[in-house]
């Protein structure tokens, strides 16, 4: 099958596809509002239908209704007369003057590695050269390379608005950012936070919440519930610990409905002069959580800074995790407010 024929008929069909835009030429990727389910009826800017390239063919996927099929079958459903021209041209391309039998386009989910919308719109940092600013940022922060495959990069923050139209007005500009995705336990994308790699923007982080009913818990889809789970504030901090998750805030108790207290350790930042944080840790203590209380020898404020300065973080966590009365005693000694 010739890819150029598929692309030719996508262009012919595009006049019927609302908010149609070609996002990539190689590999081919186009985005538009899904004609099959109508996409969002409340927000006309939402466009969750994608035509994408797999080898030498095009396929269709809607991230709202879940429809998945060959481009030929999509064309057949939207414009049957154009589909007839398409099938005839494909037969001529294959060398057959007349088709010997009817060409079938069955509804199916193509056999490919399922990708989320970020895979289709952005580059994974693990696949970028060392000259890329996102790569340089992660190397300078000593983020483990085996974690890069879960991170993305964009030179233009505004592209987030193209992928998530409801946030189009709040993510403008050309700030290079690292994109950190959040999934639920079933691997559904529920949110994205983006980190300015140069630090020149007043908004270091811009967070998009796709599913308003789901908490943003980084890496919850990959942890082993039978092992000890570590909870940190920031996603970057969690990348230095085994079987860890991050809540993207100082309220680590957000995980209480997702994990068991019996095998979970809360690893707060090292900010003994922050009264709000001290109060949060005390509440966690009263609720029966195990918490890490950093010794006075540690001056850095978070795990990433500790790693960069050569601190043996895992060893300290192992030796300074407390609960109950011992946690109260150590917290009183640690707090400076």
Protein backbone atom coordinates (compact mmCIF):
# COMPACT_ATOMS: atom_id res chain seq x y z
CA UNK A 1 0.00 0.00 0.00
CA UNK A 2 1.41 3.43 -0.93
CA UNK A 3 1.59 5.91 1.91
CA UNK A 4 1.29 8.78 -0.54
CA UNK A 5 -2.20 7.64 -1.53
CA UNK A 6 -3.32 7.62 2.10
CA UNK A 7 -1.93 11.12 2.63
CA UNK A 8 -3.53 12.35 -0.60
CA UNK A 9 -6.97 11.23 0.59
CA UNK A 10 -6.43 12.64 4.06
CA UNK A 11 -5.91 16.01 2.40
CA UNK A 12 -9.08 15.54 0.32
CA UNK A 13 -11.04 14.54 3.42
CA UNK A 14 -9.63 17.36 5.56
CA UNK A 15 -12.29 19.84 4.37
CA UNK A 16 -14.79 17.75 6.34
CA UNK A 17 -12.62 17.54 9.46
CA UNK A 18 -13.13 20.35 11.96
CA UNK A 19 -9.96 21.97 13.38
CA UNK A 20 -7.83 19.82 11.09
CA UNK A 21 -4.09 20.45 11.36
CA UNK A 22 -1.02 18.49 10.26
CA UNK A 23 1.30 18.30 13.25
CA UNK A 24 4.10 16.23 11.70
CA UNK A 25 5.01 15.23 8.16
CA UNK A 26 7.48 12.43 8.96
CA UNK A 27 6.14 10.36 10.55
CA UNK A 28 2.76 11.69 9.49
CA UNK A 29 0.48 12.98 12.27
CA UNK A 30 -2.75 14.97 11.87
CA UNK A 31 -5.20 16.14 14.53
CA UNK A 32 -8.89 17.16 14.33
CA UNK A 33 -12.24 16.85 16.08
CA UNK A 34 -13.58 13.31 15.95
CA UNK A 35 -16.40 12.96 13.42
CA UNK A 36 -17.49 9.64 14.90
CA UNK A 37 -18.33 10.79 18.43
CA UNK A 38 -18.53 14.54 17.83
CA UNK A 39 -15.77 15.16 20.38
CA UNK A 40 -16.65 17.66 23.14
CA UNK A 41 -20.01 19.36 22.72
CA UNK A 42 -19.20 21.90 25.46
CA UNK A 43 -15.76 22.94 24.24
CA UNK A 44 -15.51 23.31 20.48
CA UNK A 45 -11.73 23.75 20.74
CA UNK A 46 -11.15 20.19 21.87
CA UNK A 47 -9.74 17.97 19.15
CA UNK A 48 -8.92 14.41 20.15
CA UNK A 49 -8.96 12.57 16.82
CA UNK A 50 -5.57 11.59 15.36
CA UNK A 51 -4.46 10.12 12.02
CA UNK A 52 -0.98 8.73 12.48
CA UNK A 53 1.57 6.75 10.51
CA UNK A 54 2.50 3.14 11.28
CA UNK A 55 5.09 1.77 8.84
CA UNK A 56 3.67 2.60 5.34
CA UNK A 57 0.02 3.01 6.33
CA UNK A 58 -2.15 5.51 8.18
CA UNK A 59 -4.45 4.70 11.08
CA UNK A 60 -7.03 6.57 13.13
CA UNK A 61 -7.43 6.87 16.90
CA UNK A 62 -9.79 9.00 19.00
CA UNK A 63 -8.71 9.70 22.56
CA UNK A 64 -12.29 10.48 23.60
CA UNK A 65 -14.42 7.61 22.29
CA UNK A 66 -11.53 5.15 21.85
CA UNK A 67 -12.28 4.38 18.18
CA UNK A 68 -9.34 2.75 16.41
CA UNK A 69 -9.24 1.72 12.75
CA UNK A 70 -7.39 1.96 9.46
CA UNK A 71 -7.61 5.26 7.59
CA UNK A 72 -9.53 3.46 4.83
CA UNK A 73 -12.28 2.47 7.24
CA UNK A 74 -12.47 6.02 8.63
CA UNK A 75 -12.78 7.39 5.11
CA UNK A 76 -15.53 4.86 4.35
CA UNK A 77 -17.57 6.04 7.34
CA UNK A 78 -17.17 9.77 6.70
CA UNK A 79 -17.26 9.97 2.89
CA UNK A 80 -18.34 6.73 1.09
CA UNK A 81 -18.03 8.21 -2.41
CA UNK A 82 -14.48 9.38 -1.77
CA UNK A 83 -13.74 5.95 -0.30
CA UNK A 84 -14.68 4.33 -3.67
CA UNK A 85 -12.14 6.52 -5.48
CA UNK A 86 -9.58 5.66 -2.82
CA UNK A 87 -10.01 1.89 -3.19
CA UNK A 88 -9.85 2.12 -7.01
CA UNK A 89 -6.65 4.15 -6.88
CA UNK A 90 -5.09 1.66 -4.50
CA UNK A 91 -5.92 -1.21 -6.85
CA UNK A 92 -4.38 0.67 -9.77
CA UNK A 93 -1.28 1.34 -7.70
CA UNK A 94 -0.96 -2.37 -6.95
CA UNK A 95 -1.08 -3.18 -10.70
CA UNK A 96 -4.62 -4.60 -10.86
CA UNK A 97 -6.84 -2.91 -13.48
CA UNK A 98 -10.00 -4.43 -12.02
CA UNK A 99 -10.38 -5.66 -8.47
CA UNK A 100 -10.88 -9.43 -8.34
CA UNK A 101 -12.76 -9.26 -5.09
CA UNK A 102 -14.06 -6.68 -2.73
CA UNK A 103 -11.43 -5.06 -0.55
CA UNK A 104 -12.51 -5.23 3.07
CA UNK A 105 -11.74 -2.64 5.72
CA UNK A 106 -12.81 -4.18 8.99
CA UNK A 107 -13.12 -2.34 12.28
CA UNK A 108 -10.09 -3.23 14.31
CA UNK A 109 -7.55 -1.85 16.72
CA UNK A 110 -4.25 -2.00 14.84
CA UNK A 111 -1.44 -4.04 16.36
CA UNK A 112 0.94 -1.35 17.54
CA UNK A 113 2.42 -0.14 20.78
CA UNK A 114 -0.34 1.99 22.30
CA UNK A 115 0.77 5.59 22.68
CA UNK A 116 -0.67 8.50 24.60
CA UNK A 117 -1.26 11.92 23.10
CA UNK A 118 2.14 13.17 24.31
CA UNK A 119 3.92 10.47 22.29
CA UNK A 120 2.22 11.74 19.15
CA UNK A 121 2.86 15.46 19.75
CA UNK A 122 6.22 15.72 21.53
CA UNK A 123 9.69 14.16 21.60
CA UNK A 124 10.86 11.92 24.40
CA UNK A 125 13.98 13.33 26.05
CA UNK A 126 15.62 9.90 25.91
CA UNK A 127 15.63 10.20 22.09
CA UNK A 128 17.10 13.73 21.89
CA UNK A 129 20.77 14.74 21.37
CA UNK A 130 23.05 16.00 24.14
CA UNK A 131 22.79 19.53 22.73
CA UNK A 132 19.07 19.72 23.59
CA UNK A 133 18.40 22.09 26.54
CA UNK A 134 16.11 19.53 28.20
CA UNK A 135 18.85 16.90 28.04
CA UNK A 136 21.40 19.35 29.46
CA UNK A 137 19.03 20.26 32.28
CA UNK A 138 18.51 16.63 33.31
CA UNK A 139 22.24 15.90 33.11
CA UNK A 140 23.04 18.93 35.28
CA UNK A 141 20.43 17.82 37.81
CA UNK A 142 21.86 14.26 37.71
CA UNK A 143 18.43 12.77 36.95
CA UNK A 144 18.94 9.00 36.28
CA UNK A 145 18.90 8.21 32.56
CA UNK A 146 16.55 5.27 33.02
CA UNK A 147 13.87 7.82 33.99
CA UNK A 148 14.25 9.96 30.86
CA UNK A 149 12.04 7.68 28.80
CA UNK A 150 9.02 8.96 30.79
CA UNK A 151 9.78 12.63 30.11
CA UNK A 152 9.09 14.83 27.06
CA UNK A 153 10.39 18.11 25.70
CA UNK A 154 9.01 21.07 23.79
CA UNK A 155 10.54 24.34 22.62
CA UNK A 156 7.10 25.94 22.58
CA UNK A 157 4.84 25.85 25.62
CA UNK A 158 2.00 26.98 23.36
CA UNK A 159 1.95 23.52 21.75
CA UNK A 160 0.39 22.23 24.97
CA UNK A 161 -2.57 24.43 24.14
CA UNK A 162 -2.89 22.72 20.76
CA UNK A 163 -2.97 19.29 22.37
CA UNK A 164 -5.19 20.39 25.28
CA UNK A 165 -7.37 23.19 23.81
CA UNK A 166 -9.12 23.98 27.10
CA UNK A 167 -5.77 25.33 28.38
CA UNK A 168 -4.89 27.21 25.19
CA UNK A 169 -5.05 30.65 26.80
CA UNK A 170 -2.87 29.74 29.81
CA UNK A 171 0.06 28.05 28.04
CA UNK A 172 1.21 30.60 25.49
CA UNK A 173 4.81 31.53 24.71
CA UNK A 174 7.94 29.82 23.42
CA UNK A 175 9.51 28.74 26.72
CA UNK A 176 11.47 25.47 26.38
CA UNK A 177 10.04 23.03 28.91
CA UNK A 178 10.37 19.47 30.14
CA UNK A 179 6.98 17.75 30.24
CA UNK A 180 6.26 15.36 33.11
CA UNK A 181 3.18 13.18 32.56
CA UNK A 182 0.87 11.85 35.27
CA UNK A 183 -1.06 8.61 34.77
CA UNK A 184 -3.62 6.80 36.91
CA UNK A 185 -3.22 3.17 37.96
CA UNK A 186 -4.70 2.03 34.64
CA UNK A 187 -2.15 4.02 32.61
CA UNK A 188 -4.64 6.70 31.55
CA UNK A 189 -3.05 10.13 31.12
CA UNK A 190 -4.64 12.41 33.75
CA UNK A 191 -2.32 15.41 33.78
CA UNK A 192 0.92 17.05 32.68
CA UNK A 193 3.25 19.44 34.45
CA UNK A 194 5.90 21.36 32.51
CA UNK A 195 9.19 22.66 33.92
CA UNK A 196 10.95 25.74 32.50
CA UNK A 197 14.52 24.57 31.80
CA UNK A 198 16.12 28.03 31.84
CA UNK A 199 14.45 29.41 34.94
CA UNK A 200 13.72 32.74 33.24
CA UNK A 201 9.93 32.40 33.34
CA UNK A 202 8.01 33.59 36.39
CA UNK A 203 6.04 30.34 36.17
CA UNK A 204 8.65 27.63 36.69
CA UNK A 205 5.93 25.00 36.50
CA UNK A 206 2.73 24.98 34.45
CA UNK A 207 0.34 22.14 35.31
CA UNK A 208 -2.52 20.85 33.17
CA UNK A 209 -5.12 18.62 34.79
CA UNK A 210 -6.82 16.54 32.10
CA UNK A 211 -9.05 14.44 34.36
CA UNK A 212 -10.45 16.70 37.08
CA UNK A 213 -11.59 13.68 39.13
CA UNK A 214 -8.15 12.07 39.40
CA UNK A 215 -5.31 13.21 41.71
CA UNK A 216 -1.98 13.94 40.06
CA UNK A 217 0.29 11.25 41.51
CA UNK A 218 3.49 10.77 39.53
CA UNK A 219 4.48 7.15 38.78
CA UNK A 220 1.47 5.57 40.55
CA UNK A 221 1.05 3.33 37.48
CA UNK A 222 4.46 1.69 37.98
CA UNK A 223 4.82 0.95 41.68
CA UNK A 224 4.68 -2.44 43.39
CA UNK A 225 2.03 -2.26 46.12
CA UNK A 226 3.56 -5.24 47.93
CA UNK A 227 6.86 -3.41 48.56
CA UNK A 228 7.76 -0.34 50.59
CA UNK A 229 6.49 2.79 48.82
CA UNK A 230 8.18 6.17 49.16
CA UNK A 231 6.25 9.40 48.63
CA UNK A 232 8.03 12.66 47.74
CA UNK A 233 6.87 16.16 46.91
CA UNK A 234 8.41 16.60 43.45
CA UNK A 235 8.63 14.08 40.59
CA UNK A 236 12.37 14.70 40.13
CA UNK A 237 13.00 13.78 43.78
CA UNK A 238 11.06 10.54 43.38
CA UNK A 239 13.32 9.47 40.52
CA UNK A 240 16.19 8.82 42.94
CA UNK A 241 14.23 6.36 45.09
CA UNK A 242 13.05 2.84 44.33
CA UNK A 243 9.30 2.21 44.12
CA UNK A 244 8.45 5.86 44.68
CA UNK A 245 5.69 8.29 43.75
CA UNK A 246 5.30 12.08 43.94
CA UNK A 247 2.28 14.26 44.65
CA UNK A 248 3.51 17.54 43.11
CA UNK A 249 2.86 19.39 46.38
CA UNK A 250 3.82 19.30 50.08
CA UNK A 251 0.59 17.52 51.07
CA UNK A 252 1.94 13.98 50.82
CA UNK A 253 -1.18 12.60 52.51
CA UNK A 254 -2.95 12.94 49.15
CA UNK A 255 -1.99 9.32 48.55
CA UNK A 256 -3.98 7.94 51.49
CA UNK A 257 -6.73 6.46 49.27
CA UNK A 258 -4.24 4.86 46.90
CA UNK A 259 -1.63 3.21 49.14
CA UNK A 260 -1.46 1.51 52.53
CA UNK A 261 0.08 3.31 55.52
CA UNK A 262 1.69 0.08 56.67
CA UNK A 263 4.23 -0.01 53.84
CA UNK A 264 4.44 3.67 52.88
CA UNK A 265 7.03 6.25 53.95
CA UNK A 266 6.42 9.99 53.50
CA UNK A 267 9.61 11.81 52.48
CA UNK A 268 9.01 15.54 52.98
CA UNK A 269 11.42 18.29 51.91
CA UNK A 270 14.02 19.43 54.44
CA UNK A 271 12.54 22.81 55.42
CA UNK A 272 12.45 23.00 59.25
CA UNK A 273 11.72 26.75 59.19
CA UNK A 274 8.59 26.41 57.08
CA UNK A 275 5.61 26.51 59.51
CA UNK A 276 3.14 25.26 56.90
CA UNK A 277 5.27 22.20 56.16
CA UNK A 278 5.89 21.47 59.83
CA UNK A 279 2.12 21.55 60.43
CA UNK A 280 1.52 19.14 57.53
CA UNK A 281 4.09 16.70 58.91
CA UNK A 282 2.54 16.88 62.38
CA UNK A 283 -0.88 16.08 60.90
CA UNK A 284 0.61 13.11 59.08
CA UNK A 285 2.15 11.95 62.35
CA UNK A 286 -1.20 12.15 64.14
CA UNK A 287 -2.78 10.16 61.30
CA UNK A 288 -0.32 7.32 61.84
CA UNK A 289 2.05 7.76 58.87
CA UNK A 290 5.77 6.94 58.86
CA UNK A 291 7.83 10.02 58.02
CA UNK A 292 11.46 10.85 57.33
CA UNK A 293 12.99 13.51 59.59
CA UNK A 294 16.24 14.75 58.13
CA UNK A 295 19.22 14.98 60.54
CA UNK A 296 20.78 18.38 61.23
CA UNK A 297 23.84 17.39 59.19
CA UNK A 298 21.74 17.66 56.01
CA UNK A 299 21.48 21.27 54.83
CA UNK A 300 19.94 20.76 51.38
CA UNK A 301 16.21 21.39 51.03
CA UNK A 302 15.25 18.44 48.81
CA UNK A 303 16.48 15.05 47.57
CA UNK A 304 17.74 16.33 44.22
CA UNK A 305 19.99 18.91 45.91
CA UNK A 306 21.24 16.25 48.30
CA UNK A 307 22.16 13.92 45.45
CA UNK A 308 23.98 16.72 43.61
CA UNK A 309 26.03 17.40 46.77
CA UNK A 310 26.94 13.77 47.34
CA UNK A 311 24.59 13.01 50.24
CA UNK A 312 23.80 9.29 50.75
CA UNK A 313 20.05 9.82 50.59
CA UNK A 314 18.85 6.20 50.70
CA UNK A 315 20.99 5.42 53.74
CA UNK A 316 19.69 8.49 55.60
CA UNK A 317 16.07 7.64 54.79
CA UNK A 318 16.60 4.09 56.06
CA UNK A 319 18.08 5.34 59.37
CA UNK A 320 15.79 8.32 59.95
CA UNK A 321 12.28 7.06 59.26
CA UNK A 322 10.06 7.31 62.35
CA UNK A 323 6.48 6.95 63.53
CA UNK A 324 4.48 7.41 66.72
CA UNK A 325 6.16 8.93 69.78
CA UNK A 326 9.65 8.67 68.29
CA UNK A 327 8.47 10.70 65.28
CA UNK A 328 7.08 13.37 67.62
CA UNK A 329 10.40 13.58 69.48
CA UNK A 330 12.50 13.82 66.31
CA UNK A 331 10.11 16.31 64.71
CA UNK A 332 10.36 18.59 67.76
CA UNK A 333 14.17 18.53 67.50
CA UNK A 334 14.11 19.16 63.75
CA UNK A 335 11.56 21.99 63.65
CA UNK A 336 12.88 25.56 63.85
CA UNK A 337 9.50 27.26 64.05
